[in-house]
């Protein structure tokens, strides 16, 4: 009797696991999309920061320092954007 009960419980668990795989794939795809979108936004910010650095190289004095500070701020924003996207993707994956 115990073996039959354990076997039925195992079959039921495997059935549930098999049914949830497409849903898991959808959740993973959603998390991957969130992560990719965050990466794209971060890359765009980093590219703008690089352009600001290139402009700063043509400047002198306070204007140069201001441009470099803006570029550094943009890099920090890019890092924060990427970390937020990663956290959101992780939260999505934890729900499955």
Protein backbone atom coordinates (compact mmCIF):
# COMPACT_ATOMS: atom_id res chain seq x y z
CA UNK A 1 0.00 0.00 0.00
CA UNK A 2 2.79 2.40 0.89
CA UNK A 3 4.63 1.68 -2.34
CA UNK A 4 1.48 2.33 -4.35
CA UNK A 5 0.86 5.61 -2.52
CA UNK A 6 4.46 6.73 -3.00
CA UNK A 7 4.35 5.76 -6.66
CA UNK A 8 1.13 7.69 -7.20
CA UNK A 9 2.57 10.71 -5.39
CA UNK A 10 5.70 10.56 -7.55
CA UNK A 11 3.66 10.28 -10.73
CA UNK A 12 1.51 13.22 -9.65
CA UNK A 13 4.59 15.31 -8.88
CA UNK A 14 6.15 14.48 -12.24
CA UNK A 15 2.90 15.31 -13.99
CA UNK A 16 2.81 18.72 -12.34
CA UNK A 17 6.45 19.32 -13.21
CA UNK A 18 5.83 18.37 -16.82
CA UNK A 19 2.83 20.69 -17.02
CA UNK A 20 4.73 23.65 -15.62
CA UNK A 21 7.66 23.52 -18.02
CA UNK A 22 6.06 25.69 -20.73
CA UNK A 23 5.11 28.20 -18.05
CA UNK A 24 8.66 28.12 -16.70
CA UNK A 25 9.97 28.77 -20.18
CA UNK A 26 7.64 31.74 -20.55
CA UNK A 27 8.77 33.16 -17.21
CA UNK A 28 12.41 32.65 -18.18
CA UNK A 29 11.80 34.36 -21.52
CA UNK A 30 10.14 37.30 -19.78
CA UNK A 31 13.03 37.61 -17.33
CA UNK A 32 15.54 37.42 -20.19
CA UNK A 33 13.66 40.16 -22.04
CA UNK A 34 13.69 42.43 -18.99
CA UNK A 35 17.39 41.81 -18.54
CA UNK A 36 18.13 42.46 -22.22
CA UNK A 37 16.11 45.68 -22.21
CA UNK A 38 18.02 46.89 -19.15
CA UNK A 39 21.29 46.03 -20.85
CA UNK A 40 20.29 48.01 -23.94
CA UNK A 41 19.39 51.06 -21.86
CA UNK A 42 22.64 50.78 -19.92
CA UNK A 43 24.65 50.45 -23.14
CA UNK A 44 22.97 53.55 -24.57
CA UNK A 45 23.84 55.52 -21.43
CA UNK A 46 27.43 54.29 -21.55
CA UNK A 47 27.71 55.31 -25.20
CA UNK A 48 26.47 58.80 -24.32
CA UNK A 49 29.02 58.94 -21.51
CA UNK A 50 31.79 58.02 -23.95
CA UNK A 51 30.63 60.79 -26.29
CA UNK A 52 30.69 63.25 -23.39
CA UNK A 53 34.23 62.16 -22.55
CA UNK A 54 35.27 62.73 -26.15
CA UNK A 55 33.79 66.23 -25.98
CA UNK A 56 35.51 66.85 -22.64
CA UNK A 57 38.84 66.10 -24.29
CA UNK A 58 38.32 69.15 -26.49
CA UNK A 59 37.55 71.40 -23.52
CA UNK A 60 39.62 72.99 -20.80
CA UNK A 61 39.10 74.16 -17.25
CA UNK A 62 35.69 74.07 -15.58
CA UNK A 63 33.89 73.07 -18.78
CA UNK A 64 36.07 69.98 -19.09
CA UNK A 65 35.56 69.06 -15.45
CA UNK A 66 31.80 69.53 -15.78
CA UNK A 67 31.63 67.33 -18.90
CA UNK A 68 33.68 64.62 -17.20
CA UNK A 69 31.44 64.77 -14.12
CA UNK A 70 28.37 64.43 -16.33
CA UNK A 71 29.92 61.43 -18.08
CA UNK A 72 30.71 59.80 -14.73
CA UNK A 73 27.17 60.45 -13.55
CA UNK A 74 25.81 58.87 -16.71
CA UNK A 75 27.99 55.79 -16.17
CA UNK A 76 26.66 55.48 -12.63
CA UNK A 77 23.13 55.76 -14.00
CA UNK A 78 23.93 53.02 -16.53
CA UNK A 79 25.18 50.75 -13.75
CA UNK A 80 22.06 51.44 -11.67
CA UNK A 81 19.83 50.76 -14.68
CA UNK A 82 21.52 47.43 -15.33
CA UNK A 83 21.37 46.40 -11.67
CA UNK A 84 17.67 47.33 -11.47
CA UNK A 85 16.91 45.28 -14.57
CA UNK A 86 18.82 42.31 -13.16
CA UNK A 87 16.91 42.58 -9.88
CA UNK A 88 13.60 42.78 -11.73
CA UNK A 89 14.52 39.74 -13.82
CA UNK A 90 15.50 37.83 -10.71
CA UNK A 91 12.19 38.73 -9.08
CA UNK A 92 10.31 37.47 -12.13
CA UNK A 93 12.20 34.18 -12.04
CA UNK A 94 11.56 33.73 -8.32
CA UNK A 95 7.80 33.79 -8.92
CA UNK A 96 7.88 30.54 -10.85
